[in-house]
Amino acid sequence: MKITELRRKSKTDLNKLLPEKYDKLCQLRFSLVSGKVKNVKAVRETKKEIARILTLLK
C-alpha cells in the first residue's frame, strides 16, 4: 500500500489496519521459518507498511 493511499484513510481506519499488518507479519515470519513462503520480500514490505502507518499516526 502506498503512502498516498494511506493518507486518504482516517485515523480510525489506520488504527484498525495496524493490528492486521502486525498479524500478517507474524504469520509471514512463521511461514518463513517453516519454509512455506516463496516471496521473502513480503516480510520487508509488511514492515515498511507498518512504519508508514505509524508515521502517519504520529
N, C-alpha and C. Protein backbone atom coordinates (compact mmCIF):
# COMPACT_ATOMS: atom_id res chain seq x y z
N MET A 1 0.85 -1.17 0.00
CA MET A 1 0.00 0.00 0.00
C MET A 1 0.90 1.24 0.00
N LYS A 2 0.59 2.15 -0.86
CA LYS A 2 1.41 3.35 -0.96
C LYS A 2 0.98 4.40 0.06
N ILE A 3 1.87 5.35 0.28
CA ILE A 3 1.62 6.39 1.28
C ILE A 3 0.43 7.26 0.89
N THR A 4 0.22 7.47 -0.40
CA THR A 4 -0.92 8.29 -0.82
C THR A 4 -2.24 7.61 -0.48
N GLU A 5 -2.27 6.29 -0.59
CA GLU A 5 -3.49 5.56 -0.23
C GLU A 5 -3.73 5.62 1.27
N LEU A 6 -2.65 5.57 2.04
CA LEU A 6 -2.79 5.62 3.49
C LEU A 6 -3.21 7.00 3.97
N ARG A 7 -2.77 8.03 3.28
CA ARG A 7 -3.13 9.40 3.69
C ARG A 7 -4.61 9.68 3.51
N ARG A 8 -5.24 8.97 2.59
CA ARG A 8 -6.67 9.16 2.35
C ARG A 8 -7.53 8.55 3.46
N LYS A 9 -6.96 7.63 4.21
CA LYS A 9 -7.73 6.95 5.25
C LYS A 9 -7.77 7.78 6.52
N SER A 10 -8.80 7.56 7.30
CA SER A 10 -8.93 8.27 8.57
C SER A 10 -8.06 7.59 9.62
N LYS A 11 -7.91 8.27 10.75
CA LYS A 11 -7.08 7.71 11.82
C LYS A 11 -7.69 6.43 12.39
N THR A 12 -9.01 6.37 12.43
CA THR A 12 -9.64 5.15 12.94
C THR A 12 -9.38 3.97 12.00
N ASP A 13 -9.40 4.23 10.70
CA ASP A 13 -9.10 3.17 9.74
C ASP A 13 -7.65 2.71 9.88
N LEU A 14 -6.75 3.66 10.09
CA LEU A 14 -5.34 3.31 10.26
C LEU A 14 -5.12 2.52 11.54
N ASN A 15 -5.85 2.89 12.59
CA ASN A 15 -5.74 2.15 13.85
C ASN A 15 -6.27 0.72 13.71
N LYS A 16 -7.25 0.52 12.84
CA LYS A 16 -7.76 -0.82 12.59
C LYS A 16 -6.81 -1.62 11.70
N LEU A 17 -6.15 -0.93 10.80
CA LEU A 17 -5.26 -1.58 9.85
C LEU A 17 -3.95 -2.04 10.49
N LEU A 18 -3.51 -1.32 11.50
CA LEU A 18 -2.22 -1.61 12.14
C LEU A 18 -2.17 -3.01 12.76
N PRO A 19 -3.15 -3.44 13.56
CA PRO A 19 -3.07 -4.81 14.09
C PRO A 19 -3.14 -5.89 13.01
N GLU A 20 -3.85 -5.59 11.93
CA GLU A 20 -3.92 -6.55 10.83
C GLU A 20 -2.54 -6.75 10.21
N LYS A 21 -1.80 -5.65 10.07
CA LYS A 21 -0.46 -5.74 9.50
C LYS A 21 0.49 -6.48 10.44
N TYR A 22 0.35 -6.26 11.75
CA TYR A 22 1.18 -6.97 12.71
C TYR A 22 0.89 -8.47 12.66
N ASP A 23 -0.38 -8.83 12.52
CA ASP A 23 -0.75 -10.25 12.41
C ASP A 23 -0.18 -10.86 11.14
N LYS A 24 -0.26 -10.10 10.05
CA LYS A 24 0.28 -10.59 8.79
C LYS A 24 1.79 -10.80 8.90
N LEU A 25 2.48 -9.89 9.56
CA LEU A 25 3.92 -10.01 9.74
C LEU A 25 4.26 -11.25 10.57
N CYS A 26 3.50 -11.49 11.60
CA CYS A 26 3.71 -12.66 12.45
C CYS A 26 3.51 -13.94 11.64
N GLN A 27 2.46 -14.00 10.85
CA GLN A 27 2.20 -15.17 10.03
C GLN A 27 3.29 -15.38 8.99
N LEU A 28 3.78 -14.29 8.41
CA LEU A 28 4.84 -14.41 7.43
C LEU A 28 6.12 -14.93 8.05
N ARG A 29 6.41 -14.48 9.26
CA ARG A 29 7.62 -14.95 9.93
C ARG A 29 7.54 -16.44 10.24
N PHE A 30 6.38 -16.90 10.72
CA PHE A 30 6.23 -18.33 11.00
C PHE A 30 6.31 -19.15 9.71
N SER A 31 5.71 -18.63 8.64
CA SER A 31 5.75 -19.34 7.37
C SER A 31 7.16 -19.36 6.80
N LEU A 32 7.90 -18.31 7.03
CA LEU A 32 9.28 -18.23 6.54
C LEU A 32 10.15 -19.27 7.23
N VAL A 33 9.96 -19.44 8.52
CA VAL A 33 10.75 -20.42 9.27
C VAL A 33 10.40 -21.84 8.82
N SER A 34 9.13 -22.08 8.57
CA SER A 34 8.72 -23.42 8.16
C SER A 34 8.98 -23.69 6.68
N GLY A 35 9.37 -22.66 5.94
CA GLY A 35 9.72 -22.83 4.53
C GLY A 35 8.56 -22.76 3.57
N LYS A 36 7.44 -22.19 3.99
CA LYS A 36 6.26 -22.13 3.13
C LYS A 36 6.21 -20.86 2.27
N VAL A 37 6.98 -19.85 2.62
CA VAL A 37 6.92 -18.57 1.92
C VAL A 37 7.88 -18.60 0.73
N LYS A 38 7.36 -18.28 -0.43
CA LYS A 38 8.20 -18.18 -1.62
C LYS A 38 8.74 -16.76 -1.79
N ASN A 39 7.94 -15.77 -1.38
CA ASN A 39 8.32 -14.37 -1.54
C ASN A 39 8.86 -13.86 -0.19
N VAL A 40 10.17 -13.85 -0.05
CA VAL A 40 10.76 -13.42 1.21
C VAL A 40 10.75 -11.90 1.35
N LYS A 41 10.51 -11.20 0.27
CA LYS A 41 10.42 -9.73 0.32
C LYS A 41 9.14 -9.26 1.00
N ALA A 42 8.18 -10.15 1.12
CA ALA A 42 6.90 -9.78 1.72
C ALA A 42 7.08 -9.35 3.17
N VAL A 43 8.05 -9.93 3.87
CA VAL A 43 8.30 -9.55 5.26
C VAL A 43 8.78 -8.11 5.31
N ARG A 44 9.72 -7.77 4.45
CA ARG A 44 10.26 -6.41 4.40
C ARG A 44 9.19 -5.40 4.02
N GLU A 45 8.36 -5.75 3.04
CA GLU A 45 7.30 -4.84 2.60
C GLU A 45 6.28 -4.61 3.70
N THR A 46 5.95 -5.65 4.44
CA THR A 46 4.99 -5.52 5.54
C THR A 46 5.55 -4.63 6.64
N LYS A 47 6.84 -4.78 6.94
CA LYS A 47 7.46 -3.92 7.95
C LYS A 47 7.43 -2.46 7.52
N LYS A 48 7.65 -2.21 6.24
CA LYS A 48 7.61 -0.83 5.73
C LYS A 48 6.20 -0.25 5.81
N GLU A 49 5.19 -1.09 5.53
CA GLU A 49 3.81 -0.61 5.63
C GLU A 49 3.47 -0.25 7.07
N ILE A 50 3.93 -1.06 8.01
CA ILE A 50 3.70 -0.77 9.43
C ILE A 50 4.37 0.55 9.80
N ALA A 51 5.57 0.76 9.32
CA ALA A 51 6.28 2.01 9.62
C ALA A 51 5.56 3.21 9.01
N ARG A 52 5.02 3.07 7.81
CA ARG A 52 4.27 4.16 7.19
C ARG A 52 3.02 4.51 8.00
N ILE A 53 2.33 3.47 8.44
CA ILE A 53 1.11 3.72 9.23
C ILE A 53 1.45 4.41 10.54
N LEU A 54 2.51 3.95 11.21
CA LEU A 54 2.90 4.56 12.47
C LEU A 54 3.34 6.02 12.26
N THR A 55 4.00 6.29 11.15
CA THR A 55 4.41 7.66 10.86
C THR A 55 3.22 8.57 10.66
N LEU A 56 2.22 8.09 9.95
CA LEU A 56 1.03 8.91 9.73
C LEU A 56 0.22 9.12 11.00
N LEU A 57 0.25 8.15 11.90
CA LEU A 57 -0.50 8.29 13.14
C LEU A 57 0.16 9.29 14.09
N LYS A 58 1.44 9.50 13.94
CA LYS A 58 2.12 10.48 14.81
C LYS A 58 2.05 11.82 14.18
